[in-house]
Amino acid sequence: MSSMIPVFLTGLCFLLLTCCSGSRILVVPVDGSHWINMEVILKELHSRGHNITVLHSSKSWYIPSNSSIYTSINVHMLEDESDKSYYNKMLLDVMECRRLPTFISTFCHQHLITSMLAKGHEILARAAAAMLDDPVFMKKLQDGKFDLMLTDPALTIGILLGSYLKLPMVFNVRWINNGEVHFTIAPSPASYVPVSGSELNDQMDFLERTKNMLHYLYSIVEQHFIINPAYSDLLQRHFPPGTDLLSLEHEADIWLVRTDFVFEFPRPTMPNVVYIGGFQCKKARPLPVELEAFMQTSGEHGVVVMSLGTLVSALPREVTEAIAAAFAQLPQKVVWRLVGEKPSSLGNNTLLVDWLPQNDLLGHPKTRAFVAHGGTNGMYEAIYHGVPVLGLPLLFDQFDNLQRLKVRRAARVVEAKSLTKEDFLEALKDILETPSYRNNIQRLSQLHHDQPMSPMDTAIFWIEYVIRNKGAAHLQSTGFSLPWYSYFCLDVAVLIMALIAGFVWASVIVCRFLCCRRSRRKMKAE
């Protein structure tokens, strides 16, 4: 009998490993830097035997139609009606907003994002309606007999298709609708949870809490009066009465949130929220020969790495000139990913490249600092490898991301709107010469690595968990099905107030009755 135990255990493990291998997964990603996150997960799922189908535009910026790890279905998406140069124009508008007083500038920035969201959600609603109204396309998806919808809900098409097809749904998420994911899925007290775009932290004084509340109210108005109406006709035609965008989002089984509380401020969460911040990070690989040779020429001074992400291709000329002139005065070597005209003030110590292996450079022992725009991927790679950051935020969540590292004294932040050579050079020297910045981010790196499972293994486990169990409804809160007055217990409050009022009224009546009775007795006695 004892000899059968190893065989039994081996068979059991085989069953557990193969019960969802070969599963059919429908994926609706988001382009740009979001695709980097999604592709990492898809490669791991493919290596485990899953069959993957990706819906994307034939005009995608970064998502290839031909891939060895997935099958493509080309559809009309947001990319068909948008242009990457739009973000260059938006950068200039944001820089103008940043010239306003601090309290007002964040609302100006948010207004620009609102204008973008209004157009974007209208395009997404039209694209989703075209798919749902196409019986041939929908039959193709239904015949695919998918086991799971994996989507990035920063764009809504995956949510709508997954709900319509009644598929178990997993979100690979940081941003959704008009803000950070927690504001959709978890309680978010405005007293200590900073609203996306507010550029606040969790230690707020009265004025900051006022600003945070105003941002919170703004986000509610934005959701219910700008975003939701774009989908009202589509939802009426294809979904049960009373369905809205938020109710579909709340149906997701697992939310794989791309954050770690080493980086995020502590706050309430939910049972079906799983944290995978930094899952795309990995150990540095060897650099190309020419780049490695350049790194080695830096000697004991080391290298500064600079990259401003994938969307914004050009900073204003005066800003790049100031940065180049500041770099030229450093003893360090510089690797700078720059798309655009070469600055005239460029020094001999600076290498310009169209593309760089960012993760491998940050993990190189010669790297001393990272000049970055504050995108989530770059921030987690800096934390993973323990490299201090000089932030130059440009758009969207970058200001909030850098604020989180700044509060932890692992970064400094400069503003593109008023950047001078002197300011940039002073901040960069401070990062390079003050040991506390490196010590603080290496402490964050140590905490980030101290986990029972890697973020990637955690992500794959929960995706396969949903496939194995055909959903995870037992982890979903019933609070989302309550009417708003029940959720906030306003009906209970009204009952208690009515009982108190009734008790007070009855007490007054009894007191008046007793007083009148005593008064009559006294009058009779006289």
Protein backbone atom coordinates (compact mmCIF):
# COMPACT_ATOMS: atom_id res chain seq x y z
CA MET A 1 0.00 0.00 0.00
CA SER A 2 2.79 2.43 0.91
CA SER A 3 4.39 1.91 -2.49
CA MET A 4 1.19 3.18 -4.13
CA ILE A 5 1.27 6.55 -2.32
CA PRO A 6 3.99 8.13 -4.53
CA VAL A 7 2.12 6.95 -7.63
CA PHE A 8 -1.14 8.41 -6.31
CA LEU A 9 0.50 11.74 -5.44
CA THR A 10 2.19 11.91 -8.84
CA GLY A 11 -1.12 11.28 -10.56
CA LEU A 12 -2.86 13.89 -8.43
CA CYS A 13 -0.21 16.50 -9.24
CA PHE A 14 -0.51 15.63 -12.94
CA LEU A 15 -4.25 16.13 -12.83
CA LEU A 16 -3.91 19.48 -11.06
CA LEU A 17 -1.34 20.65 -13.58
CA THR A 18 -3.26 19.48 -16.64
CA CYS A 19 -6.82 20.27 -15.58
CA CYS A 20 -6.60 23.68 -17.16
CA SER A 21 -3.66 23.24 -19.57
CA GLY A 22 -4.95 23.61 -23.09
CA SER A 23 -7.65 25.98 -21.87
CA ARG A 24 -8.92 28.49 -24.40
CA ILE A 25 -8.33 32.07 -23.27
CA LEU A 26 -9.76 35.12 -25.04
CA VAL A 27 -7.60 38.20 -24.47
CA VAL A 28 -8.49 41.85 -25.07
CA PRO A 29 -5.41 43.95 -24.27
CA VAL A 30 -4.58 47.65 -24.26
CA ASP A 31 -1.86 48.95 -26.56
CA GLY A 32 1.26 50.90 -25.58
CA SER A 33 3.02 50.20 -22.29
CA HIS A 34 -0.01 48.17 -21.12
CA TRP A 35 0.76 45.61 -23.82
CA ILE A 36 4.21 45.05 -22.30
CA ASN A 37 2.47 43.85 -19.12
CA MET A 38 -0.04 41.68 -20.93
CA GLU A 39 2.49 40.06 -23.26
CA VAL A 40 4.61 38.90 -20.31
CA ILE A 41 1.59 37.03 -18.88
CA LEU A 42 0.62 35.61 -22.29
CA LYS A 43 4.11 34.16 -22.80
CA GLU A 44 3.90 32.41 -19.44
CA LEU A 45 0.39 31.10 -20.15
CA HIS A 46 1.51 29.84 -23.56
CA SER A 47 4.47 28.03 -21.97
CA ARG A 48 1.95 26.19 -19.76
CA GLY A 49 -0.02 24.90 -22.71
CA HIS A 50 -2.92 27.35 -22.90
CA ASN A 51 -4.42 28.34 -26.25
CA ILE A 52 -4.63 32.10 -26.53
CA THR A 53 -6.65 34.29 -28.89
CA VAL A 54 -6.01 38.05 -28.89
CA LEU A 55 -8.47 40.65 -30.15
CA HIS A 56 -6.69 43.76 -31.36
CA SER A 57 -6.65 46.35 -34.09
CA SER A 58 -4.78 45.69 -37.30
CA LYS A 59 -3.36 49.20 -36.74
CA SER A 60 -2.01 48.40 -33.27
CA TRP A 61 1.14 50.31 -32.36
CA TYR A 62 2.88 47.47 -30.51
CA ILE A 63 0.68 44.34 -30.75
CA PRO A 64 1.83 42.13 -33.66
CA SER A 65 -0.74 40.29 -35.76
CA ASN A 66 1.58 37.36 -36.33
CA SER A 67 2.76 35.67 -33.16
CA SER A 68 3.95 32.22 -32.14
CA ILE A 69 2.14 32.41 -28.78
CA TYR A 70 -1.37 33.48 -29.81
CA THR A 71 -3.91 33.65 -32.62
CA SER A 72 -4.99 37.13 -33.71
CA ILE A 73 -8.47 38.40 -34.45
CA ASN A 74 -8.36 41.88 -35.95
CA VAL A 75 -11.18 44.20 -34.93
CA HIS A 76 -11.88 47.92 -34.96
CA MET A 77 -10.43 49.38 -31.75
CA LEU A 78 -9.39 52.70 -30.26
CA GLU A 79 -6.09 52.71 -32.18
CA ASP A 80 -7.98 52.96 -35.47
CA GLU A 81 -9.14 56.47 -34.58
CA SER A 82 -6.23 57.76 -32.50
CA ASP A 83 -2.77 59.06 -33.25
CA LYS A 84 0.33 58.85 -31.06
CA SER A 85 1.12 62.47 -31.94
CA TYR A 86 -1.99 63.39 -29.94
CA TYR A 87 0.00 62.77 -26.77
CA ASN A 88 2.71 65.19 -27.84
CA LYS A 89 0.06 67.89 -28.17
CA MET A 90 -1.43 66.91 -24.83
CA LEU A 91 2.01 67.19 -23.21
CA LEU A 92 2.20 70.86 -24.18
CA ASP A 93 -1.29 71.47 -22.74
CA VAL A 94 -0.32 69.71 -19.50
CA MET A 95 2.79 71.87 -19.21
CA GLU A 96 0.59 74.95 -19.46
CA CYS A 97 -1.64 73.57 -16.68
CA ARG A 98 1.42 73.03 -14.50
CA ARG A 99 2.12 76.77 -14.58
CA LEU A 100 -1.03 77.38 -12.53
CA PRO A 101 -1.05 77.38 -8.69
CA THR A 102 -0.60 73.88 -7.26
CA PHE A 103 -4.15 73.55 -5.92
CA ILE A 104 -5.65 74.37 -9.32
CA SER A 105 -3.13 72.73 -11.65
CA THR A 106 -4.24 69.17 -10.86
CA PHE A 107 -7.86 70.02 -11.76
CA CYS A 108 -6.69 71.59 -15.03
CA HIS A 109 -4.73 68.42 -15.80
CA GLN A 110 -7.76 66.29 -14.92
CA HIS A 111 -9.96 68.36 -17.23
CA LEU A 112 -7.61 67.56 -20.13
CA ILE A 113 -7.87 63.86 -19.29
CA THR A 114 -11.68 64.16 -19.09
CA SER A 115 -11.78 65.53 -22.63
CA MET A 116 -9.66 62.59 -23.79
CA LEU A 117 -11.83 60.08 -21.90
CA ALA A 118 -15.05 61.49 -23.36
CA LYS A 119 -13.79 60.94 -26.91
CA GLY A 120 -12.17 57.61 -26.10
CA HIS A 121 -15.25 56.05 -24.50
CA GLU A 122 -17.44 57.16 -27.39
CA ILE A 123 -15.06 55.38 -29.79
CA LEU A 124 -14.97 52.28 -27.57
CA ALA A 125 -18.77 52.18 -27.29
CA ARG A 126 -19.11 52.36 -31.09
CA ALA A 127 -16.50 49.64 -31.57
CA ALA A 128 -18.17 47.35 -29.01
CA ALA A 129 -21.60 47.96 -30.56
CA ALA A 130 -20.26 47.04 -34.01
CA MET A 131 -19.00 43.72 -32.59
CA LEU A 132 -22.16 42.88 -30.65
CA ASP A 133 -24.35 43.82 -33.61
CA ASP A 134 -22.39 41.53 -35.95
CA PRO A 135 -23.95 38.03 -35.66
CA VAL A 136 -21.17 36.40 -37.71
CA PHE A 137 -18.44 37.83 -35.48
CA MET A 138 -20.26 36.95 -32.27
CA LYS A 139 -20.94 33.40 -33.49
CA LYS A 140 -17.22 33.07 -34.19
CA LEU A 141 -16.45 34.01 -30.59
CA GLN A 142 -19.17 31.73 -29.22
CA ASP A 143 -17.93 28.81 -31.35
CA GLY A 144 -14.48 29.38 -29.88
CA LYS A 145 -15.84 27.94 -26.60
CA PHE A 146 -13.44 30.02 -24.53
CA ASP A 147 -12.85 29.17 -20.89
CA LEU A 148 -11.80 32.65 -19.77
CA MET A 149 -11.74 36.31 -20.69
CA LEU A 150 -8.43 37.98 -19.74
CA THR A 151 -8.56 41.73 -20.32
CA ASP A 152 -7.07 45.03 -19.32
CA PRO A 153 -10.16 47.06 -18.32
CA ALA A 154 -8.47 50.40 -18.96
CA LEU A 155 -10.43 49.95 -22.21
CA THR A 156 -13.93 48.55 -21.94
CA ILE A 157 -14.36 46.24 -24.96
CA GLY A 158 -13.09 43.18 -23.08
CA ILE A 159 -15.52 43.82 -20.22
CA LEU A 160 -18.49 44.12 -22.57
CA LEU A 161 -17.60 41.05 -24.64
CA GLY A 162 -16.74 38.91 -21.61
CA SER A 163 -20.03 39.78 -19.91
CA TYR A 164 -22.08 39.20 -23.06
CA LEU A 165 -20.41 35.81 -23.66
CA LYS A 166 -20.86 34.97 -19.95
CA LEU A 167 -17.20 34.04 -19.56
CA PRO A 168 -15.33 33.92 -16.26
CA MET A 169 -13.31 37.13 -16.27
CA VAL A 170 -9.87 38.10 -14.97
CA PHE A 171 -8.66 41.69 -15.07
CA ASN A 172 -4.98 42.57 -15.58
CA VAL A 173 -5.49 46.05 -14.21
CA ARG A 174 -4.14 49.25 -12.73
CA TRP A 175 -6.45 51.84 -14.31
CA ILE A 176 -10.13 51.54 -15.10
CA ASN A 177 -12.70 53.97 -16.56
CA ASN A 178 -11.42 57.23 -15.11
CA GLY A 179 -9.08 56.37 -12.27
CA GLU A 180 -7.19 53.88 -10.16
CA VAL A 181 -8.70 50.40 -9.82
CA HIS A 182 -9.37 50.49 -6.06
CA PHE A 183 -11.94 53.27 -6.46
CA THR A 184 -14.08 50.87 -8.52
CA ILE A 185 -13.68 47.70 -6.46
CA ALA A 186 -12.88 48.68 -2.85
CA PRO A 187 -13.99 51.19 -0.17
CA SER A 188 -11.93 54.36 -0.63
CA PRO A 189 -12.17 56.84 2.30
CA ALA A 190 -11.16 60.25 0.97
CA SER A 191 -9.73 61.13 4.39
CA TYR A 192 -6.57 59.09 3.75
CA VAL A 193 -6.82 57.48 0.29
CA PRO A 194 -5.51 59.94 -2.32
CA VAL A 195 -7.65 60.17 -5.45
CA SER A 196 -5.96 59.58 -8.79
CA GLY A 197 -4.61 62.83 -10.18
CA SER A 198 -4.64 64.68 -6.85
CA GLU A 199 -0.85 64.21 -6.37
CA LEU A 200 -1.43 63.73 -2.66
CA ASN A 201 -0.23 61.10 -0.21
CA ASP A 202 -1.95 59.37 2.70
CA GLN A 203 -0.83 62.04 5.21
CA MET A 204 -3.18 64.93 4.39
CA ASP A 205 -3.88 68.16 6.27
CA PHE A 206 -7.28 69.87 6.15
CA LEU A 207 -6.67 71.75 2.88
CA GLU A 208 -5.33 68.61 1.21
CA ARG A 209 -8.31 66.57 2.38
CA THR A 210 -10.56 69.28 0.92
CA LYS A 211 -8.71 69.01 -2.40
CA ASN A 212 -8.91 65.22 -2.27
CA MET A 213 -12.66 65.31 -1.67
CA LEU A 214 -13.14 67.70 -4.60
CA HIS A 215 -11.18 65.32 -6.83
CA TYR A 216 -13.32 62.44 -5.56
CA LEU A 217 -16.57 64.30 -6.35
CA TYR A 218 -15.17 65.26 -9.75
CA SER A 219 -14.45 61.57 -10.50
CA ILE A 220 -18.01 60.59 -9.57
CA VAL A 221 -19.47 63.24 -11.89
CA GLU A 222 -17.05 62.13 -14.62
CA GLN A 223 -18.08 58.48 -14.26
CA HIS A 224 -21.83 58.95 -14.14
CA PHE A 225 -22.33 61.91 -16.49
CA ILE A 226 -19.51 61.54 -19.05
CA ILE A 227 -18.44 57.89 -19.25
CA ASN A 228 -21.61 55.91 -18.45
CA PRO A 229 -23.84 57.75 -20.99
CA ALA A 230 -21.55 56.67 -23.85
CA TYR A 231 -22.63 53.04 -23.26
CA SER A 232 -26.31 53.55 -22.38
CA ASP A 233 -27.72 52.66 -25.82
CA LEU A 234 -25.43 49.64 -26.20
CA LEU A 235 -26.32 48.30 -22.74
CA GLN A 236 -30.07 48.77 -23.32
CA ARG A 237 -29.93 46.75 -26.55
CA HIS A 238 -27.69 43.87 -25.48
CA PHE A 239 -27.91 43.50 -21.68
CA PRO A 240 -30.66 43.04 -19.07
CA PRO A 241 -32.54 46.15 -17.87
CA GLY A 242 -30.71 48.16 -15.23
CA THR A 243 -27.24 47.08 -16.36
CA ASP A 244 -24.58 49.76 -16.30
CA LEU A 245 -20.83 49.76 -16.91
CA LEU A 246 -19.91 49.51 -13.23
CA SER A 247 -22.16 46.50 -12.64
CA LEU A 248 -20.43 44.64 -15.49
CA GLU A 249 -17.02 45.49 -14.06
CA HIS A 250 -18.00 44.26 -10.61
CA GLU A 251 -18.79 40.84 -12.13
CA ALA A 252 -15.09 40.16 -12.78
CA ASP A 253 -13.92 37.13 -10.81
CA ILE A 254 -10.33 38.18 -10.08
CA TRP A 255 -8.66 41.56 -10.29
CA LEU A 256 -4.91 41.14 -10.84
CA VAL A 257 -3.80 44.59 -9.71
CA ARG A 258 -0.40 45.75 -10.90
CA THR A 259 0.63 47.27 -7.57
CA ASP A 260 2.54 46.32 -4.44
CA PHE A 261 2.06 48.02 -1.08
CA VAL A 262 5.80 48.65 -1.03
CA PHE A 263 4.87 51.27 -3.65
CA GLU A 264 1.13 51.88 -3.07
CA PHE A 265 -0.22 53.58 0.07
CA PRO A 266 -1.99 51.13 2.46
CA ARG A 267 -5.76 51.14 1.97
CA PRO A 268 -8.87 48.90 2.09
CA THR A 269 -9.04 46.04 -0.39
CA MET A 270 -11.30 43.10 -1.34
CA PRO A 271 -11.02 39.26 -1.35
CA ASN A 272 -10.90 38.98 -5.15
CA VAL A 273 -8.12 41.57 -5.52
CA VAL A 274 -4.68 39.99 -6.03
CA TYR A 275 -1.55 42.13 -6.06
CA ILE A 276 1.07 41.41 -8.73
CA GLY A 277 3.06 44.67 -8.79
CA GLY A 278 6.41 44.20 -10.51
CA PHE A 279 5.47 40.88 -12.15
CA GLN A 280 7.07 42.00 -15.41
CA CYS A 281 10.47 42.57 -13.75
CA LYS A 282 13.24 40.02 -14.04
CA LYS A 283 16.95 39.63 -13.46
CA ALA A 284 19.15 41.62 -15.81
CA ARG A 285 20.46 39.83 -18.88
CA PRO A 286 23.83 40.58 -20.53
CA LEU A 287 23.83 43.78 -22.60
CA PRO A 288 24.73 43.96 -26.29
CA VAL A 289 28.51 44.09 -26.76
CA GLU A 290 28.69 47.78 -27.76
CA LEU A 291 26.46 48.91 -24.91
CA GLU A 292 28.37 46.83 -22.37
CA ALA A 293 31.63 48.38 -23.57
CA PHE A 294 30.15 51.86 -23.09
CA MET A 295 29.02 50.96 -19.56
CA GLN A 296 32.51 49.73 -18.66
CA THR A 297 34.12 53.00 -19.78
CA SER A 298 32.28 54.79 -16.96
CA GLY A 299 34.79 53.60 -14.35
CA GLU A 300 33.94 54.19 -10.71
CA HIS A 301 31.48 56.99 -11.53
CA GLY A 302 28.95 54.70 -13.18
CA VAL A 303 26.11 55.43 -15.57
CA VAL A 304 22.85 57.40 -15.57
CA VAL A 305 19.99 55.88 -17.59
CA MET A 306 17.23 58.09 -19.01
CA SER A 307 14.01 57.04 -20.74
CA LEU A 308 10.64 58.77 -21.03
CA GLY A 309 8.48 55.87 -22.16
CA THR A 310 6.66 54.88 -25.33
CA LEU A 311 3.95 57.50 -25.91
CA VAL A 312 5.66 60.89 -25.87
CA SER A 313 8.20 61.10 -28.66
CA ALA A 314 9.45 64.64 -28.15
CA LEU A 315 9.95 67.12 -25.33
CA PRO A 316 10.09 70.87 -26.09
CA ARG A 317 13.46 71.82 -27.57
CA GLU A 318 14.48 74.01 -24.63
CA VAL A 319 13.88 71.12 -22.21
CA THR A 320 16.06 68.63 -24.10
CA GLU A 321 18.81 71.26 -24.43
CA ALA A 322 18.75 71.89 -20.67
CA ILE A 323 18.91 68.15 -19.94
CA ALA A 324 21.75 67.58 -22.41
CA ALA A 325 23.77 70.51 -21.02
CA ALA A 326 23.32 69.20 -17.47
CA PHE A 327 24.37 65.67 -18.49
CA ALA A 328 27.52 67.10 -20.11
CA GLN A 329 28.73 68.37 -16.74
CA LEU A 330 28.52 65.00 -15.02
CA PRO A 331 31.49 62.70 -14.42
CA GLN A 332 29.09 59.79 -15.07
CA LYS A 333 28.34 58.36 -18.50
CA VAL A 334 24.73 58.66 -19.72
CA VAL A 335 22.56 56.35 -21.81
CA TRP A 336 19.59 58.38 -23.07
CA ARG A 337 16.68 57.03 -25.09
CA LEU A 338 15.73 60.05 -27.19
CA VAL A 339 13.40 60.15 -30.17
CA GLY A 340 13.79 63.42 -32.00
CA GLU A 341 16.42 65.97 -32.91
CA LYS A 342 19.85 65.66 -31.32
CA PRO A 343 20.48 68.47 -28.78
CA SER A 344 23.27 70.88 -29.70
CA SER A 345 24.52 70.90 -26.10
CA LEU A 346 25.08 67.14 -26.01
CA GLY A 347 28.27 66.12 -24.19
CA ASN A 348 30.79 63.44 -25.13
CA ASN A 349 29.70 61.39 -22.10
CA THR A 350 26.16 60.88 -23.43
CA LEU A 351 25.05 58.03 -25.70
CA LEU A 352 21.76 58.62 -27.54
CA VAL A 353 19.74 55.53 -28.55
CA ASP A 354 16.36 54.96 -30.21
CA TRP A 355 15.67 51.99 -27.93
CA LEU A 356 17.29 50.58 -24.84
CA PRO A 357 16.95 47.36 -22.78
CA GLN A 358 15.65 49.25 -19.76
CA ASN A 359 15.34 46.35 -17.32
CA ASP A 360 18.83 45.07 -18.17
CA LEU A 361 20.38 48.51 -17.82
CA LEU A 362 18.71 49.13 -14.46
CA GLY A 363 20.03 45.79 -13.24
CA HIS A 364 23.58 46.55 -14.37
CA PRO A 365 26.08 47.11 -11.50
CA LYS A 366 27.33 50.32 -13.14
CA THR A 367 23.92 52.06 -13.10
CA ARG A 368 23.72 54.82 -10.49
CA ALA A 369 20.45 56.63 -11.26
CA PHE A 370 17.36 56.43 -13.45
CA VAL A 371 15.86 59.56 -15.03
CA ALA A 372 12.28 58.58 -15.82
CA HIS A 373 8.84 59.97 -16.60
CA GLY A 374 7.20 57.91 -13.85
CA GLY A 375 5.40 55.17 -15.78
CA THR A 376 4.37 52.21 -13.64
CA ASN A 377 6.60 49.69 -15.43
CA GLY A 378 9.71 51.83 -15.01
CA MET A 379 8.99 52.55 -11.35
CA TYR A 380 8.70 48.86 -10.52
CA GLU A 381 11.85 48.05 -12.45
CA ALA A 382 13.66 50.77 -10.45
CA ILE A 383 12.32 49.26 -7.21
CA TYR A 384 13.16 45.70 -8.32
CA HIS A 385 16.79 46.63 -9.04
CA GLY A 386 17.14 49.23 -6.27
CA VAL A 387 18.00 52.24 -8.47
CA PRO A 388 17.12 55.78 -7.23
CA VAL A 389 14.93 57.88 -9.52
CA LEU A 390 14.97 61.45 -10.77
CA GLY A 391 11.42 61.94 -11.99
CA LEU A 392 10.32 64.09 -14.91
CA PRO A 393 6.54 63.44 -15.01
CA LEU A 394 4.73 64.32 -18.21
CA LEU A 395 1.21 62.84 -18.38
CA PHE A 396 -1.52 60.84 -16.63
CA ASP A 397 -0.56 58.89 -13.51
CA GLN A 398 3.13 59.73 -13.71
CA PHE A 399 2.83 62.61 -11.23
CA ASP A 400 1.12 60.34 -8.67
CA ASN A 401 3.60 57.50 -9.23
CA LEU A 402 6.60 59.70 -8.59
CA GLN A 403 4.90 61.22 -5.56
CA ARG A 404 4.81 57.73 -4.02
CA LEU A 405 8.57 57.29 -4.42
CA LYS A 406 9.26 60.87 -3.36
CA VAL A 407 7.34 60.40 -0.09
CA ARG A 408 9.48 57.34 0.58
CA ARG A 409 12.61 59.47 -0.09
CA ALA A 410 13.69 57.24 -2.95
CA ALA A 411 13.21 59.85 -5.68
CA ARG A 412 13.30 63.53 -6.52
CA VAL A 413 10.94 65.20 -8.96
CA VAL A 414 11.53 68.09 -11.38
CA GLU A 415 8.94 69.82 -13.54
CA ALA A 416 9.25 69.94 -17.35
CA LYS A 417 7.30 73.21 -17.42
CA SER A 418 10.15 75.25 -15.94
CA LEU A 419 13.16 73.00 -16.24
CA THR A 420 16.57 74.69 -16.41
CA LYS A 421 20.04 73.21 -16.70
CA GLU A 422 20.87 74.37 -13.18
CA ASP A 423 17.76 72.85 -11.60
CA PHE A 424 18.16 69.53 -13.40
CA LEU A 425 21.87 69.32 -12.61
CA GLU A 426 21.33 70.11 -8.91
CA ALA A 427 18.61 67.46 -8.57
CA LEU A 428 20.64 64.86 -10.45
CA LYS A 429 23.77 65.48 -8.36
CA ASP A 430 21.65 65.21 -5.22
CA ILE A 431 20.38 61.80 -6.32
CA LEU A 432 23.88 60.63 -7.24
CA GLU A 433 25.75 62.00 -4.22
CA THR A 434 23.27 61.54 -1.35
CA PRO A 435 23.44 57.92 -0.13
CA SER A 436 19.98 58.00 1.46
CA TYR A 437 18.21 57.86 -1.92
CA ARG A 438 19.96 54.63 -2.87
CA ASN A 439 19.58 53.23 0.65
CA ASN A 440 15.84 53.96 0.69
CA ILE A 441 15.08 52.41 -2.67
CA GLN A 442 17.22 49.38 -1.89
CA ARG A 443 15.15 48.98 1.27
CA LEU A 444 12.01 49.07 -0.91
CA SER A 445 13.65 46.52 -3.22
CA GLN A 446 14.36 44.22 -0.29
CA LEU A 447 10.72 44.41 0.86
CA HIS A 448 9.47 43.90 -2.70
CA HIS A 449 11.51 40.70 -3.10
CA ASP A 450 10.49 39.33 0.32
CA GLN A 451 7.37 37.43 -0.85
CA PRO A 452 6.31 33.77 -0.55
CA MET A 453 5.57 33.60 -4.30
CA SER A 454 6.81 35.69 -7.19
CA PRO A 455 4.21 38.13 -8.58
CA MET A 456 4.23 36.23 -11.89
CA ASP A 457 3.54 32.88 -10.23
CA THR A 458 0.76 34.55 -8.24
CA ALA A 459 -0.82 35.93 -11.41
CA ILE A 460 -0.73 32.58 -13.23
CA PHE A 461 -2.07 30.70 -10.19
CA TRP A 462 -5.16 32.92 -9.97
CA ILE A 463 -5.82 32.86 -13.71
CA GLU A 464 -5.75 29.06 -13.65
CA TYR A 465 -7.75 29.07 -10.40
CA VAL A 466 -10.61 30.83 -12.20
CA ILE A 467 -10.36 28.39 -15.10
CA ARG A 468 -10.36 25.34 -12.78
CA ASN A 469 -13.32 26.57 -10.76
CA LYS A 470 -15.20 28.21 -13.64
CA GLY A 471 -15.17 31.53 -11.82
CA ALA A 472 -14.67 32.85 -8.30
CA ALA A 473 -18.12 34.14 -7.34
CA HIS A 474 -17.49 33.24 -3.70
CA LEU A 475 -14.89 36.02 -3.52
CA GLN A 476 -17.21 38.73 -4.85
CA SER A 477 -18.81 41.17 -2.43
CA THR A 478 -22.61 41.40 -2.27
CA GLY A 479 -22.21 45.08 -1.46
CA PHE A 480 -22.25 45.90 -5.17
CA SER A 481 -25.79 44.53 -5.54
CA LEU A 482 -27.18 46.78 -2.81
CA PRO A 483 -28.95 50.03 -3.66
CA TRP A 484 -26.91 53.06 -2.65
CA TYR A 485 -29.14 53.93 0.30
CA SER A 486 -28.76 50.40 1.69
CA TYR A 487 -25.00 50.35 1.08
CA PHE A 488 -24.58 53.48 3.22
CA CYS A 489 -27.27 52.25 5.69
CA LEU A 490 -29.29 55.41 5.09
CA ASP A 491 -32.53 53.42 5.44
CA VAL A 492 -31.34 52.17 8.84
CA ALA A 493 -30.35 55.72 9.81
CA VAL A 494 -33.81 56.97 8.85
CA LEU A 495 -35.44 54.23 10.95
CA ILE A 496 -33.26 55.04 13.99
CA MET A 497 -33.94 58.77 13.59
CA ALA A 498 -37.67 58.05 13.30
CA LEU A 499 -37.59 55.91 16.46
CA ILE A 500 -35.68 58.61 18.33
CA ALA A 501 -38.11 61.26 17.08
CA GLY A 502 -41.05 59.05 18.08
CA PHE A 503 -39.56 58.49 21.54
CA VAL A 504 -38.97 62.22 22.01
CA TRP A 505 -42.49 63.01 20.78
CA ALA A 506 -44.01 60.39 23.11
CA SER A 507 -41.94 61.69 26.02
CA VAL A 508 -43.14 65.24 25.39
CA ILE A 509 -46.77 64.06 25.23
CA VAL A 510 -46.41 62.09 28.48
CA CYS A 511 -44.70 65.02 30.22
CA ARG A 512 -47.41 67.42 29.06
CA PHE A 513 -50.09 65.00 30.20
CA LEU A 514 -48.53 64.59 33.65
CA CYS A 515 -47.97 68.34 34.01
CA CYS A 516 -51.57 69.11 33.00
CA ARG A 517 -52.88 66.47 35.40
CA ARG A 518 -50.86 67.90 38.30
CA SER A 519 -52.01 71.42 37.39
CA ARG A 520 -55.69 70.34 37.51
CA ARG A 521 -55.23 68.71 40.93
CA LYS A 522 -53.62 71.85 42.25
CA MET A 523 -56.47 74.01 40.93
CA LYS A 524 -59.07 71.72 42.57
CA ALA A 525 -57.22 71.82 45.89
CA GLU A 526 -57.25 75.64 45.87
